[in-house]
């Protein structure tokens, strides 16, 4: 089985674990994924993450999901925007706001991986990786 979109796979693993009410999700490691997970933690969508290894010794990222009392989840959905078949790039002035700034967009910019708010502040555009709310 070849993986054509590792970022979509990561988002799906987190989304599925979250919907199933699991406490964590394991994801194969990459620097890009680590950058996205760091933003999810900074923005309060996940509790924490830890770098480790799986049974075969491959590096992994273990994402610890937040549980919220009541019907509201800290993480409602993650949506892939730019895909290998259709890359989506935005200029700094065209960076979208997600649900009146309740959600975030994660971009890969020349200054690293950052949220839509930080990219607007730093006036950089880039590849629109995903939306999280």
C-alpha atoms as a PDB file:
ATOM      1  CA  UNK A   1       0.000   0.000   0.000  1.00  0.00           C
ATOM      2  CA  UNK A   2       1.601   3.261  -1.051  1.00  0.00           C
ATOM      3  CA  UNK A   3       0.722   6.466   0.713  1.00  0.00           C
ATOM      4  CA  UNK A   4       0.290   9.389  -1.634  1.00  0.00           C
ATOM      5  CA  UNK A   5      -0.758  11.963   0.988  1.00  0.00           C
ATOM      6  CA  UNK A   6       0.807  11.466   4.427  1.00  0.00           C
ATOM      7  CA  UNK A   7      -0.718  14.715   5.765  1.00  0.00           C
ATOM      8  CA  UNK A   8      -4.256  13.602   4.864  1.00  0.00           C
ATOM      9  CA  UNK A   9      -3.473  10.261   6.518  1.00  0.00           C
ATOM     10  CA  UNK A  10      -2.359  12.055   9.696  1.00  0.00           C
ATOM     11  CA  UNK A  11      -5.481  14.239   9.794  1.00  0.00           C
ATOM     12  CA  UNK A  12      -7.683  11.172   9.233  1.00  0.00           C
ATOM     13  CA  UNK A  13      -5.993   9.259  12.073  1.00  0.00           C
ATOM     14  CA  UNK A  14      -6.523  12.179  14.467  1.00  0.00           C
ATOM     15  CA  UNK A  15     -10.112  12.739  13.255  1.00  0.00           C
ATOM     16  CA  UNK A  16     -11.018   9.033  13.603  1.00  0.00           C
ATOM     17  CA  UNK A  17      -9.444   8.693  17.061  1.00  0.00           C
ATOM     18  CA  UNK A  18     -11.229  11.874  18.167  1.00  0.00           C
ATOM     19  CA  UNK A  19     -14.621  10.702  16.867  1.00  0.00           C
ATOM     20  CA  UNK A  20     -14.140   7.278  18.452  1.00  0.00           C
ATOM     21  CA  UNK A  21     -13.428   8.958  21.798  1.00  0.00           C
ATOM     22  CA  UNK A  22      -9.908   7.537  22.018  1.00  0.00           C
ATOM     23  CA  UNK A  23      -7.266   9.190  24.176  1.00  0.00           C
ATOM     24  CA  UNK A  24      -4.508   9.095  21.581  1.00  0.00           C
ATOM     25  CA  UNK A  25      -3.525   8.473  17.978  1.00  0.00           C
ATOM     26  CA  UNK A  26      -0.174   7.263  16.629  1.00  0.00           C
ATOM     27  CA  UNK A  27       1.161   8.797  13.436  1.00  0.00           C
ATOM     28  CA  UNK A  28       4.311   7.991  11.403  1.00  0.00           C
ATOM     29  CA  UNK A  29       6.862  10.772  12.028  1.00  0.00           C
ATOM     30  CA  UNK A  30       7.915  13.540   9.642  1.00  0.00           C
ATOM     31  CA  UNK A  31       9.147  17.072  10.350  1.00  0.00           C
ATOM     32  CA  UNK A  32       6.114  18.539   8.579  1.00  0.00           C
ATOM     33  CA  UNK A  33       3.701  16.463  10.684  1.00  0.00           C
ATOM     34  CA  UNK A  34       5.600  17.419  13.855  1.00  0.00           C
ATOM     35  CA  UNK A  35       5.181  21.087  12.899  1.00  0.00           C
ATOM     36  CA  UNK A  36       1.433  20.645  12.390  1.00  0.00           C
ATOM     37  CA  UNK A  37       1.042  18.764  15.697  1.00  0.00           C
ATOM     38  CA  UNK A  38       3.005  21.506  17.542  1.00  0.00           C
ATOM     39  CA  UNK A  39       0.520  24.074  16.216  1.00  0.00           C
ATOM     40  CA  UNK A  40      -2.457  21.901  17.245  1.00  0.00           C
ATOM     41  CA  UNK A  41      -1.029  21.828  20.781  1.00  0.00           C
ATOM     42  CA  UNK A  42      -0.229  25.577  20.879  1.00  0.00           C
ATOM     43  CA  UNK A  43      -3.748  26.386  19.714  1.00  0.00           C
ATOM     44  CA  UNK A  44      -5.316  24.069  22.303  1.00  0.00           C
ATOM     45  CA  UNK A  45      -6.835  21.492  19.928  1.00  0.00           C
ATOM     46  CA  UNK A  46      -4.900  18.580  21.438  1.00  0.00           C
ATOM     47  CA  UNK A  47      -3.657  17.895  24.974  1.00  0.00           C
ATOM     48  CA  UNK A  48      -0.082  16.948  24.090  1.00  0.00           C
ATOM     49  CA  UNK A  49       2.153  14.856  21.831  1.00  0.00           C
ATOM     50  CA  UNK A  50       5.187  12.673  22.320  1.00  0.00           C
ATOM     51  CA  UNK A  51       7.819  11.428  19.897  1.00  0.00           C
ATOM     52  CA  UNK A  52       8.528   7.713  20.056  1.00  0.00           C
ATOM     53  CA  UNK A  53       9.064   4.564  18.019  1.00  0.00           C
ATOM     54  CA  UNK A  54       6.675   1.833  16.845  1.00  0.00           C
ATOM     55  CA  UNK A  55       7.250  -1.933  17.042  1.00  0.00           C
ATOM     56  CA  UNK A  56       9.598  -1.930  14.032  1.00  0.00           C
ATOM     57  CA  UNK A  57      11.615   1.000  15.361  1.00  0.00           C
ATOM     58  CA  UNK A  58      10.104   3.592  12.986  1.00  0.00           C
ATOM     59  CA  UNK A  59       9.763   7.058  14.528  1.00  0.00           C
ATOM     60  CA  UNK A  60       6.193   8.022  15.450  1.00  0.00           C
ATOM     61  CA  UNK A  61       4.273  10.916  16.925  1.00  0.00           C
ATOM     62  CA  UNK A  62       1.751   9.986  19.604  1.00  0.00           C
ATOM     63  CA  UNK A  63      -0.990  12.608  19.774  1.00  0.00           C
ATOM     64  CA  UNK A  64      -2.938  12.869  23.034  1.00  0.00           C
ATOM     65  CA  UNK A  65      -6.463  14.109  22.388  1.00  0.00           C
ATOM     66  CA  UNK A  66      -8.437  16.406  24.663  1.00  0.00           C
ATOM     67  CA  UNK A  67     -11.670  15.278  26.214  1.00  0.00           C
ATOM     68  CA  UNK A  68     -14.150  18.004  27.023  1.00  0.00           C
ATOM     69  CA  UNK A  69     -17.044  17.771  29.443  1.00  0.00           C
ATOM     70  CA  UNK A  70     -20.395  18.177  27.737  1.00  0.00           C
ATOM     71  CA  UNK A  71     -21.260  18.075  24.044  1.00  0.00           C
ATOM     72  CA  UNK A  72     -18.482  20.407  22.868  1.00  0.00           C
ATOM     73  CA  UNK A  73     -15.261  18.923  21.587  1.00  0.00           C
ATOM     74  CA  UNK A  74     -12.084  20.995  21.544  1.00  0.00           C
ATOM     75  CA  UNK A  75     -11.454  19.477  18.115  1.00  0.00           C
ATOM     76  CA  UNK A  76     -14.438  19.247  15.781  1.00  0.00           C
ATOM     77  CA  UNK A  77     -12.830  18.543  12.453  1.00  0.00           C
ATOM     78  CA  UNK A  78      -9.641  18.670  10.429  1.00  0.00           C
ATOM     79  CA  UNK A  79      -9.861  19.208   6.705  1.00  0.00           C
ATOM     80  CA  UNK A  80      -7.079  18.820   4.156  1.00  0.00           C
ATOM     81  CA  UNK A  81      -6.999  21.687   1.666  1.00  0.00           C
ATOM     82  CA  UNK A  82      -3.868  21.422  -0.460  1.00  0.00           C
ATOM     83  CA  UNK A  83      -3.369  17.903  -1.832  1.00  0.00           C
ATOM     84  CA  UNK A  84      -0.603  16.336  -3.918  1.00  0.00           C
ATOM     85  CA  UNK A  85      -2.919  16.417  -6.935  1.00  0.00           C
ATOM     86  CA  UNK A  86      -4.086  19.967  -6.336  1.00  0.00           C
ATOM     87  CA  UNK A  87      -1.789  22.275  -4.410  1.00  0.00           C
ATOM     88  CA  UNK A  88      -3.381  25.383  -2.933  1.00  0.00           C
ATOM     89  CA  UNK A  89      -1.184  28.435  -2.411  1.00  0.00           C
ATOM     90  CA  UNK A  90      -2.325  31.772  -0.984  1.00  0.00           C
ATOM     91  CA  UNK A  91      -0.808  35.241  -0.822  1.00  0.00           C
ATOM     92  CA  UNK A  92      -0.681  36.803   2.639  1.00  0.00           C
ATOM     93  CA  UNK A  93      -3.647  39.076   1.844  1.00  0.00           C
ATOM     94  CA  UNK A  94      -5.742  36.101   0.673  1.00  0.00           C
ATOM     95  CA  UNK A  95      -5.253  33.924   3.783  1.00  0.00           C
ATOM     96  CA  UNK A  96      -8.724  32.807   4.947  1.00  0.00           C
ATOM     97  CA  UNK A  97     -10.231  33.224   8.424  1.00  0.00           C
ATOM     98  CA  UNK A  98     -11.773  29.969   9.664  1.00  0.00           C
ATOM     99  CA  UNK A  99     -15.186  30.256  11.378  1.00  0.00           C
ATOM    100  CA  UNK A 100     -14.643  33.854  12.555  1.00  0.00           C
ATOM    101  CA  UNK A 101     -11.251  32.884  14.030  1.00  0.00           C
ATOM    102  CA  UNK A 102     -12.699  30.022  16.089  1.00  0.00           C
ATOM    103  CA  UNK A 103     -10.740  27.663  13.840  1.00  0.00           C
ATOM    104  CA  UNK A 104      -7.315  27.919  12.281  1.00  0.00           C
ATOM    105  CA  UNK A 105      -5.722  27.260   8.941  1.00  0.00           C
ATOM    106  CA  UNK A 106      -2.230  25.776   8.932  1.00  0.00           C
ATOM    107  CA  UNK A 107       0.165  26.973   6.249  1.00  0.00           C
ATOM    108  CA  UNK A 108       3.575  25.896   5.116  1.00  0.00           C
ATOM    109  CA  UNK A 109       5.472  29.135   4.477  1.00  0.00           C
ATOM    110  CA  UNK A 110       9.037  30.156   3.708  1.00  0.00           C
ATOM    111  CA  UNK A 111       9.314  30.960   7.443  1.00  0.00           C
ATOM    112  CA  UNK A 112       8.103  27.522   8.510  1.00  0.00           C
ATOM    113  CA  UNK A 113       4.749  26.027   9.420  1.00  0.00           C
ATOM    114  CA  UNK A 114       2.351  28.484  11.044  1.00  0.00           C
ATOM    115  CA  UNK A 115      -1.275  29.409  11.628  1.00  0.00           C
ATOM    116  CA  UNK A 116      -3.252  31.731   9.367  1.00  0.00           C
ATOM    117  CA  UNK A 117      -3.132  34.465  12.052  1.00  0.00           C
ATOM    118  CA  UNK A 118       0.658  34.348  12.396  1.00  0.00           C
ATOM    119  CA  UNK A 119       1.149  34.228   8.616  1.00  0.00           C
ATOM    120  CA  UNK A 120      -1.031  37.345   8.253  1.00  0.00           C
ATOM    121  CA  UNK A 121       0.913  39.048  11.043  1.00  0.00           C
ATOM    122  CA  UNK A 122       4.254  38.193   9.452  1.00  0.00           C
ATOM    123  CA  UNK A 123       2.836  39.046   6.022  1.00  0.00           C
ATOM    124  CA  UNK A 124       3.823  35.748   4.375  1.00  0.00           C
ATOM    125  CA  UNK A 125       1.799  33.495   2.115  1.00  0.00           C
ATOM    126  CA  UNK A 126       2.330  29.830   1.444  1.00  0.00           C
ATOM    127  CA  UNK A 127       0.727  26.464   0.883  1.00  0.00           C
ATOM    128  CA  UNK A 128      -2.612  26.085   2.668  1.00  0.00           C
ATOM    129  CA  UNK A 129      -2.233  22.643   4.262  1.00  0.00           C
ATOM    130  CA  UNK A 130      -5.409  22.224   6.309  1.00  0.00           C
ATOM    131  CA  UNK A 131      -8.209  23.783   8.335  1.00  0.00           C
ATOM    132  CA  UNK A 132      -8.902  22.854  11.950  1.00  0.00           C
ATOM    133  CA  UNK A 133     -11.885  23.811  14.075  1.00  0.00           C
END
